[in-house]
Amino acid sequence: MALSYKETNSPVGKLKLIANDSALVAVLWDRGSTNRISIGAPKLDPHHPILMETERQLAEYFAGKRTQFDLPLDPRGTAFQKAVWRSLRQIPFGETRSYGEIASTIGAPRANRAVGAANGKNPLSIVVPCHRVIGANGALTGFGGGLETKAQLLALESRRKFKR
């Protein structure tokens, strides 16, 4: 299936959005590691409907008007990775979970490190909120967009949660 991409600016930097004909495949950081995920060579298509909708929903998220995303998703990964990523989507806006809590949620309570590795391979940053996963001691841990960006996203969600 052919892949298309669009780049968009955000308050946390430039993002590269990638989709196939029917779903969003990736949201990549401009400054992130290029070997974190393997996607292939998408073609530029700034008018691709899924990419335009993703850009719109991201803008709403950053403007404080969206707390969850409603997009068709098609992340590429192993069955275990996909289970972790599904679990990430269940973390409520403005909350965090530890790697151990995610491991327990997917029925693999001793798989903290494997959960961390899967979290690090999440191709759908922000949309699949891997930034909401922290260390058991509450410390911020690795993030494809950088720890400063992770802190920004968590602060953005925390502030909005209490604005009501």
Protein backbone atom coordinates (compact mmCIF):
# COMPACT_ATOMS: atom_id res chain seq x y z
CA MET A 1 0.00 0.00 0.00
CA ALA A 2 1.39 3.40 -1.00
CA LEU A 3 2.35 5.84 1.73
CA SER A 4 1.90 9.60 1.68
CA TYR A 5 3.27 12.26 3.99
CA LYS A 6 2.72 15.84 5.04
CA GLU A 7 4.82 17.97 7.36
CA THR A 8 3.19 20.24 9.90
CA ASN A 9 4.44 22.70 12.48
CA SER A 10 3.34 22.35 16.09
CA PRO A 11 4.16 23.99 19.42
CA VAL A 12 6.57 21.10 20.06
CA GLY A 13 8.31 21.23 16.70
CA LYS A 14 7.85 20.01 13.15
CA LEU A 15 5.99 16.72 12.76
CA LYS A 16 5.94 14.39 9.76
CA LEU A 17 2.53 12.76 9.30
CA ILE A 18 2.41 9.52 7.27
CA ALA A 19 -0.67 7.66 6.04
CA ASN A 20 -1.66 4.88 3.70
CA ASP A 21 -4.91 5.00 1.71
CA SER A 22 -7.09 4.27 4.73
CA ALA A 23 -5.29 5.17 7.97
CA LEU A 24 -2.62 7.14 9.76
CA VAL A 25 0.60 5.12 9.94
CA ALA A 26 2.99 7.44 11.77
CA VAL A 27 3.57 10.80 13.44
CA LEU A 28 7.33 11.34 13.47
CA TRP A 29 9.49 13.95 15.16
CA ASP A 30 11.63 16.10 12.90
CA ARG A 31 14.52 15.79 15.36
CA GLY A 32 13.90 12.17 16.37
CA SER A 33 15.91 9.11 15.52
CA THR A 34 15.24 8.03 11.95
CA ASN A 35 15.87 4.34 12.69
CA ARG A 36 13.33 4.15 15.53
CA ILE A 37 10.71 2.79 13.13
CA SER A 38 10.87 1.43 9.59
CA ILE A 39 8.28 2.84 7.24
CA GLY A 40 9.69 3.05 3.74
CA ALA A 41 9.62 6.03 1.42
CA PRO A 42 6.33 7.94 1.46
CA LYS A 43 5.47 10.49 -1.23
CA LEU A 44 4.59 14.08 -0.43
CA ASP A 45 0.83 14.66 -0.54
CA PRO A 46 -0.19 17.73 1.48
CA HIS A 47 -3.84 17.25 0.46
CA HIS A 48 -4.22 13.62 1.56
CA PRO A 49 -7.54 13.56 3.50
CA ILE A 50 -6.26 11.52 6.45
CA LEU A 51 -3.19 13.71 6.79
CA MET A 52 -5.28 16.88 6.62
CA GLU A 53 -7.64 15.51 9.29
CA THR A 54 -4.68 14.51 11.48
CA GLU A 55 -3.25 18.01 11.17
CA ARG A 56 -6.64 19.50 12.10
CA GLN A 57 -7.02 17.27 15.17
CA LEU A 58 -3.45 17.97 16.30
CA ALA A 59 -4.14 21.72 16.04
CA GLU A 60 -7.26 21.25 18.19
CA TYR A 61 -5.24 19.24 20.72
CA PHE A 62 -2.59 21.95 21.01
CA ALA A 63 -5.28 24.66 21.22
CA GLY A 64 -6.92 22.88 24.18
CA LYS A 65 -10.03 21.83 22.25
CA ARG A 66 -9.35 18.07 21.94
CA THR A 67 -8.53 15.47 24.59
CA GLN A 68 -8.51 12.37 22.37
CA PHE A 69 -8.01 11.63 18.72
CA ASP A 70 -10.56 10.12 16.38
CA LEU A 71 -8.51 8.85 13.47
CA PRO A 72 -8.17 5.52 11.66
CA LEU A 73 -4.81 4.08 12.74
CA ASP A 74 -2.57 1.45 11.17
CA PRO A 75 0.65 1.25 13.21
CA ARG A 76 3.23 -1.25 12.05
CA GLY A 77 4.62 -3.50 14.73
CA THR A 78 4.55 -6.87 16.44
CA ALA A 79 1.47 -8.23 18.21
CA PHE A 80 3.07 -7.34 21.56
CA GLN A 81 3.86 -3.79 20.45
CA LYS A 82 0.32 -3.32 19.18
CA ALA A 83 -1.07 -4.54 22.53
CA VAL A 84 1.08 -1.94 24.32
CA TRP A 85 -0.02 0.79 21.92
CA ARG A 86 -3.70 -0.10 22.41
CA SER A 87 -3.15 0.14 26.15
CA LEU A 88 -1.55 3.58 25.76
CA ARG A 89 -4.72 4.83 24.09
CA GLN A 90 -6.63 3.92 27.26
CA ILE A 91 -4.60 6.28 29.48
CA PRO A 92 -6.96 9.17 30.21
CA PHE A 93 -6.03 12.65 29.09
CA GLY A 94 -4.01 14.44 31.76
CA GLU A 95 -3.01 11.22 33.55
CA THR A 96 0.10 9.05 33.50
CA ARG A 97 0.89 5.37 33.95
CA SER A 98 4.11 3.52 34.73
CA TYR A 99 5.65 0.88 32.50
CA GLY A 100 4.68 -1.71 35.12
CA GLU A 101 1.05 -0.59 35.08
CA ILE A 102 0.97 -0.91 31.29
CA ALA A 103 2.59 -4.37 31.54
CA SER A 104 -0.12 -5.47 33.99
CA THR A 105 -2.85 -4.02 31.80
CA ILE A 106 -1.79 -6.18 28.86
CA GLY A 107 -1.47 -9.31 30.99
CA ALA A 108 2.34 -9.39 31.12
CA PRO A 109 3.12 -8.01 34.61
CA ARG A 110 6.85 -8.81 34.43
CA ALA A 111 7.36 -7.23 31.01
CA ASN A 112 8.27 -3.69 32.14
CA ARG A 113 11.35 -3.54 29.92
CA ALA A 114 9.55 -4.97 26.91
CA VAL A 115 6.78 -2.42 27.44
CA GLY A 116 9.44 0.29 27.54
CA ALA A 117 10.93 -0.97 24.29
CA ALA A 118 7.49 -1.11 22.62
CA ASN A 119 6.71 2.36 23.93
CA GLY A 120 9.92 3.60 22.34
CA LYS A 121 8.89 2.14 18.99
CA ASN A 122 5.44 3.80 19.01
CA PRO A 123 5.09 5.22 15.49
CA LEU A 124 2.13 7.43 16.40
CA SER A 125 3.54 9.93 18.88
CA ILE A 126 0.99 12.22 20.55
CA VAL A 127 -1.97 10.43 18.88
CA VAL A 128 -1.05 7.23 20.74
CA PRO A 129 0.07 8.97 23.93
CA CYS A 130 3.37 7.33 24.82
CA HIS A 131 4.29 10.62 26.53
CA ARG A 132 1.87 9.61 29.32
CA VAL A 133 4.13 6.73 30.40
CA ILE A 134 6.61 7.53 33.18
CA GLY A 135 8.96 5.65 35.47
CA ALA A 136 7.60 3.89 38.57
CA ASN A 137 9.19 6.60 40.72
CA GLY A 138 7.37 9.33 38.76
CA ALA A 139 10.43 10.36 36.76
CA LEU A 140 10.21 11.23 33.10
CA THR A 141 11.90 8.58 31.01
CA GLY A 142 12.88 8.26 27.34
CA PHE A 143 10.75 9.84 24.65
CA GLY A 144 11.25 10.07 20.88
CA GLY A 145 10.59 13.80 20.90
CA GLY A 146 12.96 14.38 23.82
CA LEU A 147 12.28 14.70 27.55
CA GLU A 148 11.69 18.44 27.30
CA THR A 149 8.90 17.82 24.77
CA LYS A 150 7.46 15.04 26.94
CA ALA A 151 7.35 17.49 29.87
CA GLN A 152 5.68 20.09 27.62
CA LEU A 153 2.98 17.64 26.52
CA LEU A 154 2.27 16.50 30.08
CA ALA A 155 2.13 20.12 31.29
CA LEU A 156 -0.18 21.07 28.42
CA GLU A 157 -2.57 18.24 29.32
CA SER A 158 -2.35 18.91 33.05
CA ARG A 159 -3.18 22.60 32.69
CA ARG A 160 -6.11 21.95 30.43
CA LYS A 161 -7.50 19.31 32.73
CA PHE A 162 -7.89 21.88 35.52
CA LYS A 163 -9.14 24.80 33.41
CA ARG A 164 -12.78 23.65 33.41
